[in-house]
Amino acid sequence: MTVLSRKERDKQLRRSDILKAAEHLFALKGYHEATIRDIAKEAQYATGTVYLHFKDKEVLYFALLEEKMKSMLFTIKEKIGQVKDARKKLEIFVQEGLVFFEKNQDFFRIFMSEGNELFSERKILKSPTGLQAQEYAASLMIEAQEQGVVSRDFDAGQVAEVLISIIKTIIQKWLEEKREKGDNLIDLSGVILRLFLNG
């Protein structure tokens, strides 16, 4: 285990403080309204300190998004690692994704609702963690195909993309209707699995 110098620990602490402040303000004000100056003030640092860690707001946003996705993927892998049944693994994949999204919905609402290139799904999925998540989902599909849970007639990567698209569509619909219905997102995991496995 590497022991960090005090300087390195201080640097990581400042970065963490800035990311927490950014998350709060992006959720509160939205991406476009939150400024680097606002984030610096929230984190109780000089504006220049933020720029030492992140060259602009877009880099800061995607650093935060990457942290969120890493956390979600870690949780999913940890819980799936405890089971052998492929169908159960798919259930956990869907459920934990929905739980994580619901807990962080104000932050994730930003890129779910924005239609410009900054928040494009392609850009997010090409991030290091986005690529890891796709590879992991494809590995779950290979296992599901081997156990007869999912048809072998299709490429595992494409099948994984279909599941992720269904999840995204359900989340978008939930975001639109949540205020009217008040449903919990996790309650929709059964719908997603039925759509995916049974058509």
Protein backbone atom coordinates (compact mmCIF):
# COMPACT_ATOMS: atom_id res chain seq x y z
CA MET A 1 0.00 0.00 0.00
CA THR A 2 1.37 3.38 -1.04
CA VAL A 3 1.73 6.02 1.64
CA LEU A 4 0.90 9.46 0.29
CA SER A 5 2.89 12.53 1.24
CA ARG A 6 1.12 15.28 3.16
CA LYS A 7 1.19 17.44 0.01
CA GLU A 8 -0.50 14.69 -2.01
CA ARG A 9 -3.10 14.09 0.72
CA ASP A 10 -3.88 17.83 0.81
CA LYS A 11 -4.22 17.86 -2.98
CA GLN A 12 -6.65 14.94 -2.89
CA LEU A 13 -8.64 16.59 -0.10
CA ARG A 14 -8.98 19.82 -2.10
CA ARG A 15 -10.05 17.85 -5.18
CA SER A 16 -12.64 15.97 -3.12
CA ASP A 17 -13.96 19.22 -1.59
CA ILE A 18 -14.30 20.77 -5.04
CA LEU A 19 -16.12 17.72 -6.43
CA LYS A 20 -18.58 17.74 -3.50
CA ALA A 21 -19.26 21.45 -3.96
CA ALA A 22 -19.71 20.97 -7.71
CA GLU A 23 -22.14 18.09 -7.20
CA HIS A 24 -24.24 20.19 -4.84
CA LEU A 25 -24.34 23.21 -7.17
CA PHE A 26 -24.90 21.24 -10.37
CA ALA A 27 -27.89 19.58 -8.68
CA LEU A 28 -29.14 22.87 -7.21
CA LYS A 29 -28.63 25.24 -10.15
CA GLY A 30 -28.07 22.97 -13.14
CA TYR A 31 -24.90 22.67 -15.19
CA HIS A 32 -25.30 25.88 -17.19
CA GLU A 33 -26.15 28.15 -14.25
CA ALA A 34 -23.43 26.92 -11.87
CA THR A 35 -20.13 28.74 -12.35
CA ILE A 36 -16.57 27.89 -11.34
CA ARG A 37 -16.70 30.92 -9.04
CA ASP A 38 -19.86 29.54 -7.35
CA ILE A 39 -18.19 26.15 -6.93
CA ALA A 40 -15.03 27.70 -5.46
CA LYS A 41 -17.10 29.70 -2.98
CA GLU A 42 -19.11 26.62 -1.98
CA ALA A 43 -15.89 24.64 -1.47
CA GLN A 44 -14.34 27.59 0.43
CA TYR A 45 -11.37 27.87 -1.93
CA ALA A 46 -10.12 30.60 -4.24
CA THR A 47 -11.33 30.33 -7.84
CA GLY A 48 -7.73 29.76 -8.95
CA THR A 49 -7.54 26.67 -6.74
CA VAL A 50 -10.40 25.09 -8.68
CA TYR A 51 -8.61 25.83 -11.96
CA LEU A 52 -5.44 24.17 -10.61
CA HIS A 53 -7.40 20.91 -10.41
CA PHE A 54 -9.83 21.27 -13.34
CA LYS A 55 -9.14 23.34 -16.45
CA ASP A 56 -12.82 24.24 -16.95
CA LYS A 57 -16.36 23.40 -15.89
CA GLU A 58 -16.81 20.66 -18.48
CA VAL A 59 -13.70 18.81 -17.24
CA LEU A 60 -14.96 19.20 -13.67
CA TYR A 61 -18.40 17.87 -14.55
CA PHE A 62 -17.02 14.81 -16.32
CA ALA A 63 -14.56 14.14 -13.48
CA LEU A 64 -17.53 14.10 -11.12
CA LEU A 65 -19.55 11.92 -13.49
CA GLU A 66 -16.63 9.50 -13.73
CA GLU A 67 -16.45 9.30 -9.90
CA LYS A 68 -20.19 8.60 -9.72
CA MET A 69 -20.01 5.89 -12.37
CA LYS A 70 -16.99 4.27 -10.65
CA SER A 71 -18.91 4.16 -7.38
CA MET A 72 -21.97 2.62 -9.04
CA LEU A 73 -19.93 0.01 -10.91
CA PHE A 74 -18.01 -0.93 -7.75
CA THR A 75 -21.27 -1.47 -5.83
CA ILE A 76 -22.81 -3.53 -8.64
CA LYS A 77 -19.71 -5.74 -9.02
CA GLU A 78 -19.46 -6.27 -5.28
CA LYS A 79 -23.08 -7.43 -4.97
CA ILE A 80 -23.06 -9.53 -8.15
CA GLY A 81 -19.83 -11.22 -7.06
CA GLN A 82 -21.77 -12.92 -4.25
CA VAL A 83 -24.12 -14.90 -6.56
CA LYS A 84 -23.74 -17.56 -9.28
CA ASP A 85 -27.15 -17.53 -10.98
CA ALA A 86 -27.08 -15.44 -14.19
CA ARG A 87 -30.71 -14.32 -13.91
CA LYS A 88 -30.11 -13.13 -10.35
CA LYS A 89 -27.02 -11.27 -11.54
CA LEU A 90 -29.10 -9.43 -14.14
CA GLU A 91 -31.67 -8.56 -11.45
CA ILE A 92 -28.93 -7.10 -9.25
CA PHE A 93 -27.45 -5.20 -12.21
CA VAL A 94 -30.80 -3.54 -12.90
CA GLN A 95 -31.82 -2.99 -9.25
CA GLU A 96 -28.51 -1.51 -8.08
CA GLY A 97 -28.36 0.76 -11.13
CA LEU A 98 -31.84 2.08 -10.36
CA VAL A 99 -31.09 2.51 -6.64
CA PHE A 100 -27.92 4.44 -7.42
CA PHE A 101 -29.69 6.64 -9.97
CA GLU A 102 -32.56 7.42 -7.61
CA LYS A 103 -30.15 8.38 -4.80
CA ASN A 104 -28.27 10.69 -7.19
CA GLN A 105 -31.17 11.77 -9.39
CA ASP A 106 -30.63 15.53 -9.17
CA PHE A 107 -27.10 15.15 -10.46
CA PHE A 108 -27.88 12.57 -13.15
CA ARG A 109 -30.92 14.54 -14.33
CA ILE A 110 -28.45 16.97 -15.94
CA PHE A 111 -27.17 14.66 -18.64
CA MET A 112 -30.40 12.66 -18.92
CA SER A 113 -32.30 15.80 -19.93
CA GLU A 114 -29.72 17.82 -21.87
CA GLY A 115 -29.65 17.21 -25.60
CA ASN A 116 -26.38 18.88 -26.60
CA GLU A 117 -23.03 17.28 -27.48
CA LEU A 118 -21.55 17.94 -24.03
CA PHE A 119 -23.89 15.44 -22.43
CA SER A 120 -24.10 13.01 -25.35
CA GLU A 121 -24.44 9.37 -24.37
CA ARG A 122 -21.62 8.45 -26.77
CA LYS A 123 -19.20 10.78 -24.97
CA ILE A 124 -20.14 9.38 -21.56
CA LEU A 125 -19.92 5.75 -22.68
CA LYS A 126 -16.46 6.35 -24.15
CA SER A 127 -15.12 7.43 -20.75
CA PRO A 128 -12.83 4.86 -19.02
CA THR A 129 -15.55 3.81 -16.57
CA GLY A 130 -18.23 3.90 -19.27
CA LEU A 131 -16.19 1.41 -21.30
CA GLN A 132 -15.62 -0.77 -18.22
CA ALA A 133 -19.37 -0.77 -17.52
CA GLN A 134 -20.15 -1.84 -21.10
CA GLU A 135 -17.56 -4.64 -20.94
CA TYR A 136 -18.93 -5.79 -17.59
CA ALA A 137 -22.53 -5.78 -18.87
CA ALA A 138 -21.41 -7.79 -21.92
CA SER A 139 -19.69 -10.35 -19.65
CA LEU A 140 -22.95 -10.73 -17.70
CA MET A 141 -24.75 -11.39 -20.99
CA ILE A 142 -22.23 -14.07 -22.01
CA GLU A 143 -22.87 -15.80 -18.69
CA ALA A 144 -26.64 -15.41 -19.14
CA GLN A 145 -26.36 -16.94 -22.62
CA GLU A 146 -24.32 -19.86 -21.27
CA GLN A 147 -27.00 -20.52 -18.61
CA GLY A 148 -29.86 -20.23 -21.14
CA VAL A 149 -31.32 -17.07 -19.60
CA VAL A 150 -30.68 -14.98 -22.73
CA SER A 151 -30.75 -16.16 -26.37
CA ARG A 152 -27.41 -17.09 -27.95
CA ASP A 153 -28.67 -15.79 -31.31
CA PHE A 154 -27.29 -12.31 -30.69
CA ASP A 155 -23.94 -10.73 -29.85
CA ALA A 156 -23.56 -10.33 -26.06
CA GLY A 157 -22.37 -6.73 -26.39
CA GLN A 158 -25.42 -5.78 -28.46
CA VAL A 159 -27.74 -7.53 -25.99
CA ALA A 160 -26.11 -5.56 -23.15
CA GLU A 161 -26.72 -2.32 -25.09
CA VAL A 162 -30.40 -3.26 -25.43
CA LEU A 163 -30.72 -3.74 -21.66
CA ILE A 164 -28.96 -0.44 -20.95
CA SER A 165 -31.25 1.33 -23.46
CA ILE A 166 -34.35 -0.11 -21.76
CA ILE A 167 -33.06 1.05 -18.36
CA LYS A 168 -32.33 4.54 -19.72
CA THR A 169 -35.79 4.82 -21.33
CA ILE A 170 -37.54 3.75 -18.11
CA ILE A 171 -35.47 6.26 -16.08
CA GLN A 172 -36.33 9.10 -18.47
CA LYS A 173 -40.03 8.26 -18.28
CA TRP A 174 -39.81 8.06 -14.47
CA LEU A 175 -38.15 11.48 -14.30
CA GLU A 176 -40.95 12.97 -16.40
CA GLU A 177 -43.79 11.37 -14.43
CA LYS A 178 -42.33 11.20 -10.92
CA ARG A 179 -43.98 14.36 -9.61
CA GLU A 180 -47.40 13.11 -10.66
CA LYS A 181 -47.15 9.49 -9.50
CA GLY A 182 -44.55 9.57 -6.71
CA ASP A 183 -43.30 6.04 -7.56
CA ASN A 184 -39.91 4.78 -6.43
CA LEU A 185 -37.61 3.98 -9.33
CA ILE A 186 -36.54 0.66 -7.80
CA ASP A 187 -40.17 -0.53 -8.10
CA LEU A 188 -39.72 -0.53 -11.89
CA SER A 189 -36.91 -3.10 -11.91
CA GLY A 190 -39.41 -5.93 -12.46
CA VAL A 191 -40.86 -4.13 -15.49
CA ILE A 192 -37.39 -3.73 -16.99
CA LEU A 193 -36.51 -7.39 -16.50
CA ARG A 194 -39.83 -8.57 -17.98
CA LEU A 195 -39.36 -6.31 -21.00
CA PHE A 196 -35.80 -7.50 -21.50
CA LEU A 197 -36.22 -11.22 -20.85
CA ASN A 198 -39.73 -11.78 -22.15
CA GLY A 199 -40.18 -9.00 -24.70
